PDB file of N, CA and C in Angstrom:
ATOM      1  N   UNK A   1     -62.520  77.272 -12.283  1.00  0.00           N
ATOM      2  CA  UNK A   1     -62.837  78.315 -13.112  1.00  0.00           C
ATOM      3  C   UNK A   1     -62.727  79.048 -12.965  1.00  0.00           C
ATOM      4  N   UNK A   2     -63.014  79.990 -11.560  1.00  0.00           N
ATOM      5  CA  UNK A   2     -63.330  80.755 -11.091  1.00  0.00           C
ATOM      6  C   UNK A   2     -61.419  81.691 -10.938  1.00  0.00           C
ATOM      7  N   UNK A   3     -60.787  80.129 -10.681  1.00  0.00           N
ATOM      8  CA  UNK A   3     -59.130  80.407 -10.251  1.00  0.00           C
ATOM      9  C   UNK A   3     -58.828  81.131 -11.933  1.00  0.00           C
ATOM     10  N   UNK A   4     -59.800  79.886 -12.565  1.00  0.00           N
ATOM     11  CA  UNK A   4     -58.223  80.354 -14.379  1.00  0.00           C
ATOM     12  C   UNK A   4     -58.925  81.783 -15.340  1.00  0.00           C
ATOM     13  N   UNK A   5     -60.372  82.342 -14.262  1.00  0.00           N
ATOM     14  CA  UNK A   5     -61.112  84.103 -14.944  1.00  0.00           C
ATOM     15  C   UNK A   5     -59.376  84.453 -13.851  1.00  0.00           C
ATOM     16  N   UNK A   6     -59.664  84.900 -12.720  1.00  0.00           N
ATOM     17  CA  UNK A   6     -59.195  85.201 -11.582  1.00  0.00           C
ATOM     18  C   UNK A   6     -56.901  85.758 -11.828  1.00  0.00           C
ATOM     19  N   UNK A   7     -57.046  84.280 -12.291  1.00  0.00           N
ATOM     20  CA  UNK A   7     -55.565  84.097 -13.188  1.00  0.00           C
ATOM     21  C   UNK A   7     -54.757  84.983 -14.560  1.00  0.00           C
ATOM     22  N   UNK A   8     -55.809  84.444 -15.293  1.00  0.00           N
ATOM     23  CA  UNK A   8     -55.670  85.428 -17.282  1.00  0.00           C
ATOM     24  C   UNK A   8     -56.198  87.059 -16.462  1.00  0.00           C
ATOM     25  N   UNK A   9     -56.985  87.142 -16.022  1.00  0.00           N
ATOM     26  CA  UNK A   9     -57.020  88.787 -15.601  1.00  0.00           C
ATOM     27  C   UNK A   9     -56.135  90.258 -15.044  1.00  0.00           C
ATOM     28  N   UNK A  10     -56.007  89.058 -13.958  1.00  0.00           N
ATOM     29  CA  UNK A  10     -54.532  89.775 -13.395  1.00  0.00           C
ATOM     30  C   UNK A  10     -53.332  89.038 -13.808  1.00  0.00           C
ATOM     31  N   UNK A  11     -53.468  88.777 -14.847  1.00  0.00           N
ATOM     32  CA  UNK A  11     -51.898  88.946 -15.650  1.00  0.00           C
ATOM     33  C   UNK A  11     -51.802  90.201 -16.002  1.00  0.00           C
ATOM     34  N   UNK A  12     -50.535  90.739 -15.648  1.00  0.00           N
ATOM     35  CA  UNK A  12     -49.742  92.163 -16.381  1.00  0.00           C
ATOM     36  C   UNK A  12     -50.676  92.257 -17.777  1.00  0.00           C
ATOM     37  N   UNK A  13     -50.006  91.636 -18.630  1.00  0.00           N
ATOM     38  CA  UNK A  13     -49.675  91.355 -19.782  1.00  0.00           C
ATOM     39  C   UNK A  13     -51.592  91.561 -20.430  1.00  0.00           C
ATOM     40  N   UNK A  14     -52.606  91.690 -19.339  1.00  0.00           N
ATOM     41  CA  UNK A  14     -54.224  91.592 -19.623  1.00  0.00           C
ATOM     42  C   UNK A  14     -54.414  92.641 -19.475  1.00  0.00           C
ATOM     43  N   UNK A  15     -53.965  93.178 -18.184  1.00  0.00           N
ATOM     44  CA  UNK A  15     -54.513  94.625 -16.897  1.00  0.00           C
ATOM     45  C   UNK A  15     -53.880  95.789 -17.728  1.00  0.00           C
ATOM     46  N   UNK A  16     -52.455  96.015 -17.678  1.00  0.00           N
ATOM     47  CA  UNK A  16     -52.202  97.075 -18.449  1.00  0.00           C
ATOM     48  C   UNK A  16     -52.599  97.593 -19.727  1.00  0.00           C
ATOM     49  N   UNK A  17     -52.910  96.785 -21.239  1.00  0.00           N
ATOM     50  CA  UNK A  17     -52.855  97.224 -21.955  1.00  0.00           C
ATOM     51  C   UNK A  17     -54.473  98.234 -21.956  1.00  0.00           C
ATOM     52  N   UNK A  18     -55.348  97.363 -20.807  1.00  0.00           N
ATOM     53  CA  UNK A  18     -56.452  97.393 -20.771  1.00  0.00           C
ATOM     54  C   UNK A  18     -56.550  99.084 -19.671  1.00  0.00           C
ATOM     55  N   UNK A  19     -55.642  98.864 -18.901  1.00  0.00           N
ATOM     56  CA  UNK A  19     -55.377 100.235 -17.888  1.00  0.00           C
ATOM     57  C   UNK A  19     -54.470 101.563 -18.834  1.00  0.00           C
ATOM     58  N   UNK A  20     -54.726 101.244 -19.566  1.00  0.00           N
ATOM     59  CA  UNK A  20     -53.439 102.347 -20.608  1.00  0.00           C
ATOM     60  C   UNK A  20     -54.967 102.824 -21.848  1.00  0.00           C
ATOM     61  N   UNK A  21     -55.313 101.768 -21.880  1.00  0.00           N
ATOM     62  CA  UNK A  21     -56.885 102.283 -23.508  1.00  0.00           C
ATOM     63  C   UNK A  21     -57.991 102.901 -22.271  1.00  0.00           C
ATOM     64  N   UNK A  22     -58.198 102.622 -20.947  1.00  0.00           N
ATOM     65  CA  UNK A  22     -59.084 103.403 -20.759  1.00  0.00           C
ATOM     66  C   UNK A  22     -58.589 104.512 -20.108  1.00  0.00           C
ATOM     67  N   UNK A  23     -57.267 104.680 -19.986  1.00  0.00           N
ATOM     68  CA  UNK A  23     -56.179 105.941 -19.509  1.00  0.00           C
ATOM     69  C   UNK A  23     -56.924 106.761 -21.020  1.00  0.00           C
ATOM     70  N   UNK A  24     -56.620 106.078 -22.045  1.00  0.00           N
ATOM     71  CA  UNK A  24     -56.392 107.134 -23.630  1.00  0.00           C
ATOM     72  C   UNK A  24     -58.191 107.378 -23.617  1.00  0.00           C
ATOM     73  N   UNK A  25     -58.966 106.535 -23.157  1.00  0.00           N
ATOM     74  CA  UNK A  25     -60.193 106.881 -23.949  1.00  0.00           C
ATOM     75  C   UNK A  25     -61.062 108.191 -22.867  1.00  0.00           C
ATOM     76  N   UNK A  26     -60.512 108.075 -21.272  1.00  0.00           N
ATOM     77  CA  UNK A  26     -61.244 108.877 -20.543  1.00  0.00           C
ATOM     78  C   UNK A  26     -59.939 110.393 -21.148  1.00  0.00           C
ATOM     79  N   UNK A  27     -59.266 110.496 -21.611  1.00  0.00           N
ATOM     80  CA  UNK A  27     -58.435 111.689 -21.933  1.00  0.00           C
ATOM     81  C   UNK A  27     -58.603 112.152 -22.832  1.00  0.00           C
ATOM     82  N   UNK A  28     -59.550 111.405 -24.045  1.00  0.00           N
ATOM     83  CA  UNK A  28     -60.713 111.635 -25.502  1.00  0.00           C
ATOM     84  C   UNK A  28     -61.930 112.395 -24.963  1.00  0.00           C
ATOM     85  N   UNK A  29     -62.107 111.906 -24.265  1.00  0.00           N
ATOM     86  CA  UNK A  29     -63.327 112.019 -23.326  1.00  0.00           C
ATOM     87  C   UNK A  29     -64.015 111.487 -24.417  1.00  0.00           C
ATOM     88  N   UNK A  30     -63.665 109.783 -25.069  1.00  0.00           N
ATOM     89  CA  UNK A  30     -64.790 109.301 -24.770  1.00  0.00           C
ATOM     90  C   UNK A  30     -64.985 108.986 -26.444  1.00  0.00           C
ATOM     91  N   UNK A  31     -64.241 109.954 -27.365  1.00  0.00           N
ATOM     92  CA  UNK A  31     -64.008 109.928 -28.090  1.00  0.00           C
ATOM     93  C   UNK A  31     -63.238 108.478 -28.985  1.00  0.00           C
ATOM     94  N   UNK A  32     -64.524 107.615 -30.188  1.00  0.00           N
ATOM     95  CA  UNK A  32     -63.617 106.436 -30.388  1.00  0.00           C
ATOM     96  C   UNK A  32     -63.437 106.635 -31.978  1.00  0.00           C
ATOM     97  N   UNK A  33     -63.433 107.805 -32.535  1.00  0.00           N
ATOM     98  CA  UNK A  33     -62.752 108.572 -33.362  1.00  0.00           C
ATOM     99  C   UNK A  33     -61.238 108.464 -33.614  1.00  0.00           C
ATOM    100  N   UNK A  34     -61.243 109.437 -32.068  1.00  0.00           N
ATOM    101  CA  UNK A  34     -59.870 109.539 -32.066  1.00  0.00           C
ATOM    102  C   UNK A  34     -59.515 109.243 -31.386  1.00  0.00           C
ATOM    103  N   UNK A  35     -59.536 107.992 -30.245  1.00  0.00           N
ATOM    104  CA  UNK A  35     -58.623 107.499 -30.122  1.00  0.00           C
ATOM    105  C   UNK A  35     -58.676 106.127 -30.550  1.00  0.00           C
ATOM    106  N   UNK A  36     -58.972 106.034 -31.591  1.00  0.00           N
ATOM    107  CA  UNK A  36     -58.338 105.076 -32.847  1.00  0.00           C
ATOM    108  C   UNK A  36     -57.777 105.744 -33.746  1.00  0.00           C
ATOM    109  N   UNK A  37     -57.563 106.712 -33.793  1.00  0.00           N
ATOM    110  CA  UNK A  37     -56.560 107.603 -34.391  1.00  0.00           C
ATOM    111  C   UNK A  37     -55.384 107.386 -33.562  1.00  0.00           C
ATOM    112  N   UNK A  38     -55.260 108.046 -32.544  1.00  0.00           N
ATOM    113  CA  UNK A  38     -54.422 107.594 -31.686  1.00  0.00           C
ATOM    114  C   UNK A  38     -53.396 106.314 -31.824  1.00  0.00           C
ATOM    115  N   UNK A  39     -54.405 105.058 -31.152  1.00  0.00           N
ATOM    116  CA  UNK A  39     -54.235 104.020 -31.238  1.00  0.00           C
ATOM    117  C   UNK A  39     -53.518 103.823 -33.146  1.00  0.00           C
ATOM    118  N   UNK A  40     -54.400 103.898 -33.988  1.00  0.00           N
ATOM    119  CA  UNK A  40     -53.186 103.421 -35.366  1.00  0.00           C
ATOM    120  C   UNK A  40     -51.793 104.506 -35.734  1.00  0.00           C
ATOM    121  N   UNK A  41     -51.827 105.803 -34.697  1.00  0.00           N
ATOM    122  CA  UNK A  41     -50.464 106.230 -34.983  1.00  0.00           C
ATOM    123  C   UNK A  41     -49.239 105.601 -34.548  1.00  0.00           C
ATOM    124  N   UNK A  42     -49.422 105.489 -33.166  1.00  0.00           N
ATOM    125  CA  UNK A  42     -48.985 104.506 -32.112  1.00  0.00           C
ATOM    126  C   UNK A  42     -48.394 103.262 -32.999  1.00  0.00           C
ATOM    127  N   UNK A  43     -49.155 102.374 -32.853  1.00  0.00           N
ATOM    128  CA  UNK A  43     -49.950 101.212 -34.002  1.00  0.00           C
ATOM    129  C   UNK A  43     -48.443 101.223 -34.490  1.00  0.00           C
ATOM    130  N   UNK A  44     -48.276 102.363 -36.086  1.00  0.00           N
ATOM    131  CA  UNK A  44     -47.674 102.646 -36.801  1.00  0.00           C
ATOM    132  C   UNK A  44     -46.491 103.170 -36.369  1.00  0.00           C
ATOM    133  N   UNK A  45     -45.897 103.999 -35.704  1.00  0.00           N
ATOM    134  CA  UNK A  45     -45.385 104.324 -35.274  1.00  0.00           C
ATOM    135  C   UNK A  45     -43.871 102.997 -34.427  1.00  0.00           C
ATOM    136  N   UNK A  46     -44.836 101.931 -33.342  1.00  0.00           N
ATOM    137  CA  UNK A  46     -44.454 101.319 -33.174  1.00  0.00           C
ATOM    138  C   UNK A  46     -43.953 100.123 -34.122  1.00  0.00           C
ATOM    139  N   UNK A  47     -44.208  99.896 -35.232  1.00  0.00           N
ATOM    140  CA  UNK A  47     -43.824  98.798 -36.423  1.00  0.00           C
ATOM    141  C   UNK A  47     -42.904  99.716 -36.729  1.00  0.00           C
ATOM    142  N   UNK A  48     -43.157 100.722 -37.085  1.00  0.00           N
ATOM    143  CA  UNK A  48     -42.003 101.648 -37.838  1.00  0.00           C
ATOM    144  C   UNK A  48     -40.336 101.486 -36.535  1.00  0.00           C
ATOM    145  N   UNK A  49     -40.204 101.800 -35.272  1.00  0.00           N
ATOM    146  CA  UNK A  49     -39.645 101.767 -35.034  1.00  0.00           C
ATOM    147  C   UNK A  49     -38.683 100.642 -34.991  1.00  0.00           C
ATOM    148  N   UNK A  50     -39.474  98.981 -34.885  1.00  0.00           N
ATOM    149  CA  UNK A  50     -39.957  97.999 -35.160  1.00  0.00           C
ATOM    150  C   UNK A  50     -38.565  97.217 -36.493  1.00  0.00           C
ATOM    151  N   UNK A  51     -39.314  97.747 -37.318  1.00  0.00           N
ATOM    152  CA  UNK A  51     -38.151  97.394 -38.927  1.00  0.00           C
ATOM    153  C   UNK A  51     -37.410  98.508 -39.293  1.00  0.00           C
ATOM    154  N   UNK A  52     -36.768  99.146 -38.535  1.00  0.00           N
ATOM    155  CA  UNK A  52     -35.878  99.624 -38.436  1.00  0.00           C
ATOM    156  C   UNK A  52     -34.340  99.372 -37.536  1.00  0.00           C
ATOM    157  N   UNK A  53     -35.097  98.775 -36.712  1.00  0.00           N
ATOM    158  CA  UNK A  53     -34.142  97.971 -35.651  1.00  0.00           C
ATOM    159  C   UNK A  53     -34.085  96.760 -36.407  1.00  0.00           C
ATOM    160  N   UNK A  54     -34.532  96.580 -36.977  1.00  0.00           N
ATOM    161  CA  UNK A  54     -34.764  95.090 -38.314  1.00  0.00           C
ATOM    162  C   UNK A  54     -32.967  94.619 -39.467  1.00  0.00           C
ATOM    163  N   UNK A  55     -34.013  96.062 -40.479  1.00  0.00           N
ATOM    164  CA  UNK A  55     -32.806  96.845 -41.592  1.00  0.00           C
ATOM    165  C   UNK A  55     -31.578  97.491 -40.515  1.00  0.00           C
ATOM    166  N   UNK A  56     -32.111  98.280 -39.814  1.00  0.00           N
ATOM    167  CA  UNK A  56     -31.055  98.859 -39.922  1.00  0.00           C
ATOM    168  C   UNK A  56     -30.429  98.854 -37.748  1.00  0.00           C
ATOM    169  N   UNK A  57     -29.374  97.378 -37.659  1.00  0.00           N
ATOM    170  CA  UNK A  57     -29.929  97.261 -36.253  1.00  0.00           C
ATOM    171  C   UNK A  57     -28.040  98.657 -35.404  1.00  0.00           C
ATOM    172  N   UNK A  58     -28.841  98.181 -34.407  1.00  0.00           N
ATOM    173  CA  UNK A  58     -28.214 100.057 -33.555  1.00  0.00           C
ATOM    174  C   UNK A  58     -26.609  99.470 -33.660  1.00  0.00           C
ATOM    175  N   UNK A  59     -25.652 100.535 -33.664  1.00  0.00           N
ATOM    176  CA  UNK A  59     -23.976 100.056 -33.528  1.00  0.00           C
ATOM    177  C   UNK A  59     -24.214 100.393 -32.135  1.00  0.00           C
ATOM    178  N   UNK A  60     -23.645  99.190 -31.932  1.00  0.00           N
ATOM    179  CA  UNK A  60     -22.737  98.694 -30.392  1.00  0.00           C
ATOM    180  C   UNK A  60     -22.005  98.681 -29.630  1.00  0.00           C
ATOM    181  N   UNK A  61     -21.497  99.596 -28.311  1.00  0.00           N
ATOM    182  CA  UNK A  61     -20.107  98.325 -28.309  1.00  0.00           C
ATOM    183  C   UNK A  61     -20.027  97.284 -27.608  1.00  0.00           C
ATOM    184  N   UNK A  62     -20.646  96.712 -27.684  1.00  0.00           N
ATOM    185  CA  UNK A  62     -21.248  95.169 -26.926  1.00  0.00           C
ATOM    186  C   UNK A  62     -20.497  94.422 -28.025  1.00  0.00           C
ATOM    187  N   UNK A  63     -20.537  94.054 -29.580  1.00  0.00           N
ATOM    188  CA  UNK A  63     -19.434  92.689 -30.345  1.00  0.00           C
ATOM    189  C   UNK A  63     -18.407  94.335 -30.833  1.00  0.00           C
ATOM    190  N   UNK A  64     -18.437  95.277 -30.218  1.00  0.00           N
ATOM    191  CA  UNK A  64     -17.509  96.273 -31.213  1.00  0.00           C
ATOM    192  C   UNK A  64     -15.797  95.069 -30.579  1.00  0.00           C
ATOM    193  N   UNK A  65     -15.522  94.250 -30.780  1.00  0.00           N
ATOM    194  CA  UNK A  65     -14.224  93.788 -29.987  1.00  0.00           C
ATOM    195  C   UNK A  65     -12.278  94.183 -30.826  1.00  0.00           C
ATOM    196  N   UNK A  66     -13.845  94.048 -32.184  1.00  0.00           N
ATOM    197  CA  UNK A  66     -11.900  94.256 -33.355  1.00  0.00           C
ATOM    198  C   UNK A  66     -12.392  95.747 -34.222  1.00  0.00           C
TER     199      UNK A  66
END
């Protein structure tokens, strides 16, 4: 059980968001209202960016052979 917890806890996909969240909390003096607003804004920005990528694929040189 201890090995399972250590393996899950030290996984970068778990640790990096926790560190980012703690950094955000410290930078906003543990004001959960501001932190929530920042997180919502970041989430909306990421969702908008992904949706733009789906509807308007980037025009690159990779597939432009003809």
